[in-house]
PDB file of N, CA and C in Angstrom:
ATOM      1  N   UNK A   1       0.690  -1.220   0.318  1.00  0.00           N
ATOM      2  CA  UNK A   1      -0.262   0.510  -0.555  1.00  0.00           C
ATOM      3  C   UNK A   1       1.522   0.855   0.105  1.00  0.00           C
ATOM      4  N   UNK A   2       0.881   2.451  -0.968  1.00  0.00           N
ATOM      5  CA  UNK A   2       2.097   3.418  -0.651  1.00  0.00           C
ATOM      6  C   UNK A   2       0.946   4.315  -0.311  1.00  0.00           C
ATOM      7  N   UNK A   3       2.035   5.055   0.158  1.00  0.00           N
ATOM      8  CA  UNK A   3       1.350   6.599   1.196  1.00  0.00           C
ATOM      9  C   UNK A   3       0.619   7.476   0.603  1.00  0.00           C
ATOM     10  N   UNK A   4       0.573   7.379  -1.158  1.00  0.00           N
ATOM     11  CA  UNK A   4      -0.022   8.590  -1.780  1.00  0.00           C
ATOM     12  C   UNK A   4      -1.067   7.811  -2.558  1.00  0.00           C
ATOM     13  N   UNK A   5      -1.937   8.175  -2.684  1.00  0.00           N
ATOM     14  CA  UNK A   5      -3.179   7.064  -3.812  1.00  0.00           C
ATOM     15  C   UNK A   5      -2.364   6.975  -5.471  1.00  0.00           C
ATOM     16  N   UNK A   6      -1.932   5.820  -5.967  1.00  0.00           N
ATOM     17  CA  UNK A   6      -1.958   5.286  -6.569  1.00  0.00           C
ATOM     18  C   UNK A   6      -3.013   5.446  -7.983  1.00  0.00           C
ATOM     19  N   UNK A   7      -3.667   6.432  -8.500  1.00  0.00           N
ATOM     20  CA  UNK A   7      -4.599   6.524  -9.643  1.00  0.00           C
ATOM     21  C   UNK A   7      -4.336   6.148 -11.080  1.00  0.00           C
ATOM     22  N   UNK A   8      -3.109   6.224 -11.647  1.00  0.00           N
ATOM     23  CA  UNK A   8      -3.004   7.039 -12.900  1.00  0.00           C
ATOM     24  C   UNK A   8      -2.099   5.909 -13.669  1.00  0.00           C
ATOM     25  N   UNK A   9      -2.142   5.602 -15.308  1.00  0.00           N
ATOM     26  CA  UNK A   9      -1.101   4.303 -15.398  1.00  0.00           C
ATOM     27  C   UNK A   9       0.093   4.784 -16.034  1.00  0.00           C
ATOM     28  N   UNK A  10       0.851   4.430 -15.750  1.00  0.00           N
ATOM     29  CA  UNK A  10       2.595   4.430 -16.604  1.00  0.00           C
ATOM     30  C   UNK A  10       2.912   3.625 -17.630  1.00  0.00           C
ATOM     31  N   UNK A  11       3.188   3.746 -18.430  1.00  0.00           N
ATOM     32  CA  UNK A  11       3.782   2.484 -19.577  1.00  0.00           C
ATOM     33  C   UNK A  11       5.936   2.329 -19.377  1.00  0.00           C
ATOM     34  N   UNK A  12       6.583   1.410 -18.791  1.00  0.00           N
ATOM     35  CA  UNK A  12       7.692   1.465 -18.947  1.00  0.00           C
ATOM     36  C   UNK A  12       8.274   0.332 -20.039  1.00  0.00           C
ATOM     37  N   UNK A  13       8.790   0.957 -21.180  1.00  0.00           N
ATOM     38  CA  UNK A  13       9.607  -0.204 -21.920  1.00  0.00           C
ATOM     39  C   UNK A  13      11.210  -0.821 -21.748  1.00  0.00           C
ATOM     40  N   UNK A  14      11.473  -1.542 -21.168  1.00  0.00           N
ATOM     41  CA  UNK A  14      12.952  -1.973 -20.551  1.00  0.00           C
ATOM     42  C   UNK A  14      13.379  -1.660 -21.783  1.00  0.00           C
ATOM     43  N   UNK A  15      15.168  -0.867 -22.250  1.00  0.00           N
ATOM     44  CA  UNK A  15      16.141  -1.752 -22.757  1.00  0.00           C
ATOM     45  C   UNK A  15      16.321  -2.323 -23.237  1.00  0.00           C
ATOM     46  N   UNK A  16      16.966  -2.958 -24.042  1.00  0.00           N
ATOM     47  CA  UNK A  16      17.276  -4.354 -24.636  1.00  0.00           C
ATOM     48  C   UNK A  16      18.997  -3.878 -24.935  1.00  0.00           C
ATOM     49  N   UNK A  17      19.809  -4.307 -24.016  1.00  0.00           N
ATOM     50  CA  UNK A  17      20.706  -3.763 -24.646  1.00  0.00           C
ATOM     51  C   UNK A  17      21.601  -4.769 -25.414  1.00  0.00           C
ATOM     52  N   UNK A  18      21.175  -6.044 -25.613  1.00  0.00           N
ATOM     53  CA  UNK A  18      22.085  -6.908 -25.731  1.00  0.00           C
ATOM     54  C   UNK A  18      22.062  -7.125 -27.428  1.00  0.00           C
ATOM     55  N   UNK A  19      20.975  -6.088 -28.131  1.00  0.00           N
ATOM     56  CA  UNK A  19      20.541  -5.772 -29.431  1.00  0.00           C
ATOM     57  C   UNK A  19      21.460  -4.726 -30.395  1.00  0.00           C
ATOM     58  N   UNK A  20      23.199  -5.464 -30.807  1.00  0.00           N
ATOM     59  CA  UNK A  20      24.051  -4.699 -31.790  1.00  0.00           C
ATOM     60  C   UNK A  20      24.086  -5.495 -32.705  1.00  0.00           C
ATOM     61  N   UNK A  21      22.761  -5.081 -33.993  1.00  0.00           N
ATOM     62  CA  UNK A  21      22.890  -5.296 -35.603  1.00  0.00           C
ATOM     63  C   UNK A  21      23.384  -4.080 -36.342  1.00  0.00           C
ATOM     64  N   UNK A  22      24.685  -3.665 -35.473  1.00  0.00           N
ATOM     65  CA  UNK A  22      25.083  -2.350 -36.275  1.00  0.00           C
ATOM     66  C   UNK A  22      24.655  -1.080 -36.925  1.00  0.00           C
ATOM     67  N   UNK A  23      23.267  -0.760 -36.779  1.00  0.00           N
ATOM     68  CA  UNK A  23      22.868  -0.103 -37.584  1.00  0.00           C
ATOM     69  C   UNK A  23      22.459   1.435 -36.107  1.00  0.00           C
ATOM     70  N   UNK A  24      23.263   0.915 -34.910  1.00  0.00           N
ATOM     71  CA  UNK A  24      22.410   1.566 -34.054  1.00  0.00           C
ATOM     72  C   UNK A  24      21.461   1.879 -33.386  1.00  0.00           C
ATOM     73  N   UNK A  25      20.303   0.783 -33.246  1.00  0.00           N
ATOM     74  CA  UNK A  25      18.949   1.604 -33.020  1.00  0.00           C
ATOM     75  C   UNK A  25      18.868   0.741 -32.472  1.00  0.00           C
ATOM     76  N   UNK A  26      17.758   1.685 -31.275  1.00  0.00           N
ATOM     77  CA  UNK A  26      17.465   1.629 -29.639  1.00  0.00           C
ATOM     78  C   UNK A  26      16.329   0.439 -29.726  1.00  0.00           C
ATOM     79  N   UNK A  27      16.296  -0.640 -28.904  1.00  0.00           N
ATOM     80  CA  UNK A  27      15.409  -1.327 -29.045  1.00  0.00           C
ATOM     81  C   UNK A  27      14.950  -1.842 -27.757  1.00  0.00           C
ATOM     82  N   UNK A  28      13.637  -1.363 -27.432  1.00  0.00           N
ATOM     83  CA  UNK A  28      12.990  -1.898 -26.249  1.00  0.00           C
ATOM     84  C   UNK A  28      12.247  -2.874 -25.951  1.00  0.00           C
ATOM     85  N   UNK A  29      11.740  -3.603 -24.879  1.00  0.00           N
ATOM     86  CA  UNK A  29      11.176  -4.675 -24.706  1.00  0.00           C
ATOM     87  C   UNK A  29       9.354  -4.197 -24.687  1.00  0.00           C
ATOM     88  N   UNK A  30       8.225  -5.101 -24.831  1.00  0.00           N
ATOM     89  CA  UNK A  30       7.226  -4.969 -24.399  1.00  0.00           C
ATOM     90  C   UNK A  30       6.985  -3.807 -23.351  1.00  0.00           C
ATOM     91  N   UNK A  31       5.799  -2.864 -23.501  1.00  0.00           N
ATOM     92  CA  UNK A  31       5.545  -2.232 -22.561  1.00  0.00           C
ATOM     93  C   UNK A  31       4.665  -2.960 -21.544  1.00  0.00           C
ATOM     94  N   UNK A  32       5.640  -2.465 -20.174  1.00  0.00           N
ATOM     95  CA  UNK A  32       5.017  -2.941 -18.352  1.00  0.00           C
ATOM     96  C   UNK A  32       3.704  -1.472 -18.263  1.00  0.00           C
ATOM     97  N   UNK A  33       2.472  -2.045 -17.866  1.00  0.00           N
ATOM     98  CA  UNK A  33       1.744  -1.077 -16.908  1.00  0.00           C
ATOM     99  C   UNK A  33       2.068  -1.265 -15.038  1.00  0.00           C
ATOM    100  N   UNK A  34       2.144   0.114 -14.842  1.00  0.00           N
ATOM    101  CA  UNK A  34       2.137   0.629 -13.389  1.00  0.00           C
ATOM    102  C   UNK A  34       1.388   1.311 -13.112  1.00  0.00           C
ATOM    103  N   UNK A  35       0.947   1.189 -11.651  1.00  0.00           N
ATOM    104  CA  UNK A  35      -0.026   2.497 -11.777  1.00  0.00           C
ATOM    105  C   UNK A  35       1.066   3.171 -10.948  1.00  0.00           C
ATOM    106  N   UNK A  36       0.718   4.524 -11.118  1.00  0.00           N
ATOM    107  CA  UNK A  36       1.471   5.557 -10.523  1.00  0.00           C
ATOM    108  C   UNK A  36       1.056   6.806 -10.198  1.00  0.00           C
ATOM    109  N   UNK A  37       1.413   7.900  -9.935  1.00  0.00           N
ATOM    110  CA  UNK A  37       0.599   8.971  -9.290  1.00  0.00           C
ATOM    111  C   UNK A  37       1.630   9.992 -10.435  1.00  0.00           C
ATOM    112  N   UNK A  38       0.639  10.898 -11.122  1.00  0.00           N
ATOM    113  CA  UNK A  38       1.354  11.328 -11.961  1.00  0.00           C
ATOM    114  C   UNK A  38       1.603  13.027 -11.614  1.00  0.00           C
ATOM    115  N   UNK A  39       2.242  14.358 -11.544  1.00  0.00           N
ATOM    116  CA  UNK A  39       1.851  15.642 -11.450  1.00  0.00           C
ATOM    117  C   UNK A  39       3.332  15.949 -12.823  1.00  0.00           C
ATOM    118  N   UNK A  40       2.111  17.139 -13.054  1.00  0.00           N
ATOM    119  CA  UNK A  40       2.615  18.097 -14.256  1.00  0.00           C
ATOM    120  C   UNK A  40       2.723  18.871 -13.510  1.00  0.00           C
ATOM    121  N   UNK A  41       4.277  19.794 -13.924  1.00  0.00           N
ATOM    122  CA  UNK A  41       5.112  20.664 -13.755  1.00  0.00           C
ATOM    123  C   UNK A  41       6.420  21.344 -13.796  1.00  0.00           C
ATOM    124  N   UNK A  42       6.656  22.317 -13.802  1.00  0.00           N
ATOM    125  CA  UNK A  42       7.645  22.220 -14.168  1.00  0.00           C
ATOM    126  C   UNK A  42       8.694  22.018 -12.677  1.00  0.00           C
ATOM    127  N   UNK A  43      10.015  21.626 -12.422  1.00  0.00           N
ATOM    128  CA  UNK A  43      10.460  21.635 -11.303  1.00  0.00           C
ATOM    129  C   UNK A  43      11.903  21.219 -12.068  1.00  0.00           C
ATOM    130  N   UNK A  44      12.944  22.811 -11.345  1.00  0.00           N
ATOM    131  CA  UNK A  44      14.336  21.729 -11.426  1.00  0.00           C
ATOM    132  C   UNK A  44      14.904  20.682 -11.049  1.00  0.00           C
ATOM    133  N   UNK A  45      15.984  19.491 -11.195  1.00  0.00           N
ATOM    134  CA  UNK A  45      16.488  18.483 -10.530  1.00  0.00           C
ATOM    135  C   UNK A  45      17.562  18.092 -11.569  1.00  0.00           C
ATOM    136  N   UNK A  46      18.455  18.037 -10.352  1.00  0.00           N
ATOM    137  CA  UNK A  46      20.240  17.534 -10.759  1.00  0.00           C
ATOM    138  C   UNK A  46      19.628  16.259 -11.953  1.00  0.00           C
ATOM    139  N   UNK A  47      20.067  16.007 -13.253  1.00  0.00           N
ATOM    140  CA  UNK A  47      20.398  14.621 -13.539  1.00  0.00           C
ATOM    141  C   UNK A  47      21.337  14.018 -12.716  1.00  0.00           C
ATOM    142  N   UNK A  48      21.860  12.759 -13.698  1.00  0.00           N
ATOM    143  CA  UNK A  48      22.642  11.952 -13.215  1.00  0.00           C
ATOM    144  C   UNK A  48      23.915  12.449 -13.522  1.00  0.00           C
ATOM    145  N   UNK A  49      24.257  13.785 -14.095  1.00  0.00           N
ATOM    146  CA  UNK A  49      25.532  13.909 -14.288  1.00  0.00           C
ATOM    147  C   UNK A  49      26.114  15.230 -13.472  1.00  0.00           C
ATOM    148  N   UNK A  50      24.653  15.425 -12.912  1.00  0.00           N
ATOM    149  CA  UNK A  50      24.924  16.509 -11.488  1.00  0.00           C
ATOM    150  C   UNK A  50      24.575  18.288 -12.359  1.00  0.00           C
ATOM    151  N   UNK A  51      24.006  17.997 -13.238  1.00  0.00           N
ATOM    152  CA  UNK A  51      23.394  19.313 -14.290  1.00  0.00           C
ATOM    153  C   UNK A  51      21.942  19.056 -13.668  1.00  0.00           C
ATOM    154  N   UNK A  52      21.944  20.531 -13.494  1.00  0.00           N
ATOM    155  CA  UNK A  52      20.951  21.486 -13.312  1.00  0.00           C
ATOM    156  C   UNK A  52      19.715  21.540 -14.409  1.00  0.00           C
ATOM    157  N   UNK A  53      18.233  20.505 -14.415  1.00  0.00           N
ATOM    158  CA  UNK A  53      17.754  20.436 -15.627  1.00  0.00           C
ATOM    159  C   UNK A  53      16.238  20.370 -15.108  1.00  0.00           C
ATOM    160  N   UNK A  54      15.575  21.412 -16.456  1.00  0.00           N
ATOM    161  CA  UNK A  54      14.024  21.464 -15.861  1.00  0.00           C
ATOM    162  C   UNK A  54      12.991  20.183 -16.090  1.00  0.00           C
ATOM    163  N   UNK A  55      12.395  19.625 -15.576  1.00  0.00           N
ATOM    164  CA  UNK A  55      11.296  18.396 -15.700  1.00  0.00           C
ATOM    165  C   UNK A  55      10.580  19.023 -16.278  1.00  0.00           C
ATOM    166  N   UNK A  56       8.906  18.235 -16.735  1.00  0.00           N
ATOM    167  CA  UNK A  56       7.927  18.554 -16.809  1.00  0.00           C
ATOM    168  C   UNK A  56       6.862  17.309 -16.410  1.00  0.00           C
ATOM    169  N   UNK A  57       7.402  16.555 -15.928  1.00  0.00           N
ATOM    170  CA  UNK A  57       6.625  15.484 -15.576  1.00  0.00           C
ATOM    171  C   UNK A  57       6.799  14.874 -14.115  1.00  0.00           C
ATOM    172  N   UNK A  58       6.949  14.278 -13.021  1.00  0.00           N
ATOM    173  CA  UNK A  58       6.924  13.728 -12.121  1.00  0.00           C
ATOM    174  C   UNK A  58       6.015  12.512 -11.995  1.00  0.00           C
ATOM    175  N   UNK A  59       6.446  11.273 -11.865  1.00  0.00           N
ATOM    176  CA  UNK A  59       5.834  10.071 -11.874  1.00  0.00           C
ATOM    177  C   UNK A  59       6.095   9.483 -10.090  1.00  0.00           C
ATOM    178  N   UNK A  60       5.565   8.898  -9.267  1.00  0.00           N
ATOM    179  CA  UNK A  60       5.656   8.749  -8.305  1.00  0.00           C
ATOM    180  C   UNK A  60       5.773   6.842  -8.527  1.00  0.00           C
ATOM    181  N   UNK A  61       6.411   6.231  -8.020  1.00  0.00           N
ATOM    182  CA  UNK A  61       5.956   4.720  -8.573  1.00  0.00           C
ATOM    183  C   UNK A  61       6.326   4.585  -7.176  1.00  0.00           C
ATOM    184  N   UNK A  62       5.138   3.112  -6.645  1.00  0.00           N
ATOM    185  CA  UNK A  62       5.068   2.538  -5.528  1.00  0.00           C
ATOM    186  C   UNK A  62       6.323   1.658  -5.122  1.00  0.00           C
ATOM    187  N   UNK A  63       6.815   1.920  -3.800  1.00  0.00           N
ATOM    188  CA  UNK A  63       8.087   0.849  -3.745  1.00  0.00           C
ATOM    189  C   UNK A  63       9.381   1.291  -4.648  1.00  0.00           C
ATOM    190  N   UNK A  64       9.905  -0.174  -4.996  1.00  0.00           N
ATOM    191  CA  UNK A  64      11.124   0.292  -5.864  1.00  0.00           C
ATOM    192  C   UNK A  64      10.981  -0.701  -7.042  1.00  0.00           C
ATOM    193  N   UNK A  65      10.397  -0.078  -8.171  1.00  0.00           N
ATOM    194  CA  UNK A  65      10.109  -0.702  -9.298  1.00  0.00           C
ATOM    195  C   UNK A  65      11.650  -1.083  -9.808  1.00  0.00           C
ATOM    196  N   UNK A  66      11.534  -1.723 -10.735  1.00  0.00           N
ATOM    197  CA  UNK A  66      12.753  -2.098 -12.051  1.00  0.00           C
ATOM    198  C   UNK A  66      12.602  -1.184 -13.057  1.00  0.00           C
ATOM    199  N   UNK A  67      13.343  -0.530 -12.636  1.00  0.00           N
ATOM    200  CA  UNK A  67      13.136   1.200 -13.809  1.00  0.00           C
ATOM    201  C   UNK A  67      14.588   1.374 -13.855  1.00  0.00           C
ATOM    202  N   UNK A  68      15.139   1.868 -14.901  1.00  0.00           N
ATOM    203  CA  UNK A  68      16.264   2.306 -14.858  1.00  0.00           C
ATOM    204  C   UNK A  68      16.730   3.812 -16.089  1.00  0.00           C
ATOM    205  N   UNK A  69      17.728   4.459 -16.218  1.00  0.00           N
ATOM    206  CA  UNK A  69      17.864   5.922 -17.344  1.00  0.00           C
ATOM    207  C   UNK A  69      17.609   5.821 -18.606  1.00  0.00           C
ATOM    208  N   UNK A  70      17.657   3.668 -18.772  1.00  0.00           N
ATOM    209  CA  UNK A  70      17.847   3.594 -20.423  1.00  0.00           C
ATOM    210  C   UNK A  70      16.450   3.473 -20.951  1.00  0.00           C
ATOM    211  N   UNK A  71      15.751   2.830 -19.965  1.00  0.00           N
ATOM    212  CA  UNK A  71      13.817   2.943 -20.494  1.00  0.00           C
ATOM    213  C   UNK A  71      13.420   3.860 -20.715  1.00  0.00           C
ATOM    214  N   UNK A  72      12.280   3.454 -21.442  1.00  0.00           N
ATOM    215  CA  UNK A  72      11.880   4.548 -21.822  1.00  0.00           C
ATOM    216  C   UNK A  72      10.250   4.683 -21.266  1.00  0.00           C
ATOM    217  N   UNK A  73       9.603   5.633 -20.759  1.00  0.00           N
ATOM    218  CA  UNK A  73       8.552   6.285 -20.026  1.00  0.00           C
ATOM    219  C   UNK A  73       7.453   6.957 -21.026  1.00  0.00           C
ATOM    220  N   UNK A  74       6.449   6.181 -20.346  1.00  0.00           N
ATOM    221  CA  UNK A  74       5.376   7.132 -21.380  1.00  0.00           C
ATOM    222  C   UNK A  74       4.510   6.816 -20.683  1.00  0.00           C
ATOM    223  N   UNK A  75       3.622   8.243 -20.099  1.00  0.00           N
ATOM    224  CA  UNK A  75       2.359   9.004 -19.574  1.00  0.00           C
ATOM    225  C   UNK A  75       1.490   9.047 -20.953  1.00  0.00           C
ATOM    226  N   UNK A  76       0.324   8.821 -20.900  1.00  0.00           N
ATOM    227  CA  UNK A  76      -1.188   9.944 -21.297  1.00  0.00           C
ATOM    228  C   UNK A  76      -1.817  10.026 -20.249  1.00  0.00           C
ATOM    229  N   UNK A  77      -1.747  11.539 -20.226  1.00  0.00           N
ATOM    230  CA  UNK A  77      -2.436  12.666 -19.507  1.00  0.00           C
ATOM    231  C   UNK A  77      -4.577  12.518 -19.372  1.00  0.00           C
ATOM    232  N   UNK A  78      -5.106  13.323 -18.769  1.00  0.00           N
ATOM    233  CA  UNK A  78      -6.930  12.695 -19.132  1.00  0.00           C
ATOM    234  C   UNK A  78      -7.423  13.904 -20.584  1.00  0.00           C
ATOM    235  N   UNK A  79      -6.106  14.653 -20.720  1.00  0.00           N
ATOM    236  CA  UNK A  79      -6.513  15.437 -22.302  1.00  0.00           C
ATOM    237  C   UNK A  79      -6.223  14.743 -23.517  1.00  0.00           C
ATOM    238  N   UNK A  80      -5.508  13.818 -23.862  1.00  0.00           N
ATOM    239  CA  UNK A  80      -5.213  12.467 -23.949  1.00  0.00           C
ATOM    240  C   UNK A  80      -3.506  12.762 -24.728  1.00  0.00           C
ATOM    241  N   UNK A  81      -3.225  13.547 -23.852  1.00  0.00           N
ATOM    242  CA  UNK A  81      -1.443  14.191 -24.239  1.00  0.00           C
ATOM    243  C   UNK A  81      -0.470  13.150 -24.035  1.00  0.00           C
ATOM    244  N   UNK A  82       0.517  12.513 -25.136  1.00  0.00           N
ATOM    245  CA  UNK A  82       0.720  11.995 -24.218  1.00  0.00           C
ATOM    246  C   UNK A  82       2.220  12.022 -24.608  1.00  0.00           C
ATOM    247  N   UNK A  83       3.332  11.856 -22.866  1.00  0.00           N
ATOM    248  CA  UNK A  83       4.435  12.570 -22.684  1.00  0.00           C
ATOM    249  C   UNK A  83       5.735  11.203 -23.046  1.00  0.00           C
ATOM    250  N   UNK A  84       6.414  11.084 -24.018  1.00  0.00           N
ATOM    251  CA  UNK A  84       7.486   9.651 -23.905  1.00  0.00           C
ATOM    252  C   UNK A  84       8.557   9.523 -24.440  1.00  0.00           C
ATOM    253  N   UNK A  85       9.402  10.044 -22.678  1.00  0.00           N
ATOM    254  CA  UNK A  85      10.523  10.356 -22.479  1.00  0.00           C
ATOM    255  C   UNK A  85      11.630   9.448 -21.975  1.00  0.00           C
ATOM    256  N   UNK A  86      12.789   9.645 -22.165  1.00  0.00           N
ATOM    257  CA  UNK A  86      13.720   8.794 -20.897  1.00  0.00           C
ATOM    258  C   UNK A  86      13.887   9.859 -19.483  1.00  0.00           C
ATOM    259  N   UNK A  87      13.890   9.107 -18.382  1.00  0.00           N
ATOM    260  CA  UNK A  87      13.919   9.514 -17.119  1.00  0.00           C
ATOM    261  C   UNK A  87      15.429  10.698 -17.237  1.00  0.00           C
ATOM    262  N   UNK A  88      14.765  11.930 -16.593  1.00  0.00           N
ATOM    263  CA  UNK A  88      16.057  13.229 -16.419  1.00  0.00           C
ATOM    264  C   UNK A  88      17.241  12.493 -14.735  1.00  0.00           C
ATOM    265  N   UNK A  89      15.656  12.382 -14.120  1.00  0.00           N
ATOM    266  CA  UNK A  89      16.472  11.891 -12.754  1.00  0.00           C
ATOM    267  C   UNK A  89      15.702  10.602 -12.211  1.00  0.00           C
ATOM    268  N   UNK A  90      15.878  10.051 -11.414  1.00  0.00           N
ATOM    269  CA  UNK A  90      15.487   9.148 -10.447  1.00  0.00           C
ATOM    270  C   UNK A  90      16.037   8.490  -8.843  1.00  0.00           C
ATOM    271  N   UNK A  91      14.821   9.304  -7.961  1.00  0.00           N
ATOM    272  CA  UNK A  91      15.103   9.746  -6.687  1.00  0.00           C
ATOM    273  C   UNK A  91      14.092   8.532  -5.640  1.00  0.00           C
ATOM    274  N   UNK A  92      15.036   8.121  -4.782  1.00  0.00           N
ATOM    275  CA  UNK A  92      14.425   6.736  -3.637  1.00  0.00           C
ATOM    276  C   UNK A  92      13.372   7.671  -2.621  1.00  0.00           C
ATOM    277  N   UNK A  93      12.664   7.350  -1.861  1.00  0.00           N
ATOM    278  CA  UNK A  93      12.477   7.812  -0.761  1.00  0.00           C
ATOM    279  C   UNK A  93      11.934   6.841   0.555  1.00  0.00           C
ATOM    280  N   UNK A  94      13.040   6.933   1.360  1.00  0.00           N
ATOM    281  CA  UNK A  94      13.333   6.238   2.070  1.00  0.00           C
ATOM    282  C   UNK A  94      12.697   6.399   3.450  1.00  0.00           C
ATOM    283  N   UNK A  95      12.267   5.459   4.195  1.00  0.00           N
ATOM    284  CA  UNK A  95      11.115   5.404   5.922  1.00  0.00           C
ATOM    285  C   UNK A  95      12.562   5.528   6.643  1.00  0.00           C
ATOM    286  N   UNK A  96      12.214   5.339   7.806  1.00  0.00           N
ATOM    287  CA  UNK A  96      12.647   5.047   8.862  1.00  0.00           C
ATOM    288  C   UNK A  96      14.013   3.970   9.177  1.00  0.00           C
ATOM    289  N   UNK A  97      12.756   2.809   8.846  1.00  0.00           N
ATOM    290  CA  UNK A  97      13.792   1.798   8.460  1.00  0.00           C
ATOM    291  C   UNK A  97      14.959   1.269   7.437  1.00  0.00           C
ATOM    292  N   UNK A  98      14.913   2.495   6.582  1.00  0.00           N
ATOM    293  CA  UNK A  98      15.378   2.125   5.257  1.00  0.00           C
ATOM    294  C   UNK A  98      14.466   1.230   4.060  1.00  0.00           C
ATOM    295  N   UNK A  99      13.991   1.105   4.451  1.00  0.00           N
ATOM    296  CA  UNK A  99      13.286   0.460   3.027  1.00  0.00           C
ATOM    297  C   UNK A  99      12.723   1.737   2.345  1.00  0.00           C
ATOM    298  N   UNK A 100      12.742   1.293   1.025  1.00  0.00           N
ATOM    299  CA  UNK A 100      12.016   2.213  -0.184  1.00  0.00           C
ATOM    300  C   UNK A 100      10.499   2.580  -0.143  1.00  0.00           C
ATOM    301  N   UNK A 101      10.127   3.599  -0.095  1.00  0.00           N
ATOM    302  CA  UNK A 101       8.411   3.519   0.230  1.00  0.00           C
ATOM    303  C   UNK A 101       7.442   3.994  -1.381  1.00  0.00           C
ATOM    304  N   UNK A 102       8.874   4.562  -1.691  1.00  0.00           N
ATOM    305  CA  UNK A 102       7.948   5.782  -3.101  1.00  0.00           C
ATOM    306  C   UNK A 102       9.295   5.418  -4.180  1.00  0.00           C
ATOM    307  N   UNK A 103       9.497   6.056  -5.667  1.00  0.00           N
ATOM    308  CA  UNK A 103      10.232   5.869  -6.807  1.00  0.00           C
ATOM    309  C   UNK A 103       9.817   7.138  -7.015  1.00  0.00           C
ATOM    310  N   UNK A 104      10.542   8.099  -6.760  1.00  0.00           N
ATOM    311  CA  UNK A 104      10.121   9.290  -8.074  1.00  0.00           C
ATOM    312  C   UNK A 104      11.242   9.771  -8.950  1.00  0.00           C
ATOM    313  N   UNK A 105      10.339   9.149 -10.185  1.00  0.00           N
ATOM    314  CA  UNK A 105      11.079   8.953 -11.656  1.00  0.00           C
ATOM    315  C   UNK A 105      10.757  10.998 -12.505  1.00  0.00           C
ATOM    316  N   UNK A 106      11.681  11.435 -12.867  1.00  0.00           N
ATOM    317  CA  UNK A 106      11.146  13.128 -13.336  1.00  0.00           C
ATOM    318  C   UNK A 106      11.867  12.839 -15.020  1.00  0.00           C
ATOM    319  N   UNK A 107      10.545  13.301 -15.876  1.00  0.00           N
ATOM    320  CA  UNK A 107      11.043  13.425 -17.107  1.00  0.00           C
ATOM    321  C   UNK A 107      10.931  14.684 -18.133  1.00  0.00           C
TER     322      UNK A 107
END
């Protein structure tokens, strides 16, 4: 049970790294559906290189899903606008006991 209600859906396509056909194309697995809490607002976060970057979407996942910076995330809001990007930043929220309760993915 998540701390916040997770009523929206997002899709994650895992990056397949072992496909090197010489054409430098990225291959992704079939999309996996997750329940998330999406917040569409502009926010300045620090990416994995230490640079400050502006994001427009924050997805909250329950616990610690198997996601990485190479995966492709897709979210469609109530108006039908779809955002499909790789994450800029992934952050984990831990409770006092050290367990991860929420994963924040910034797109």
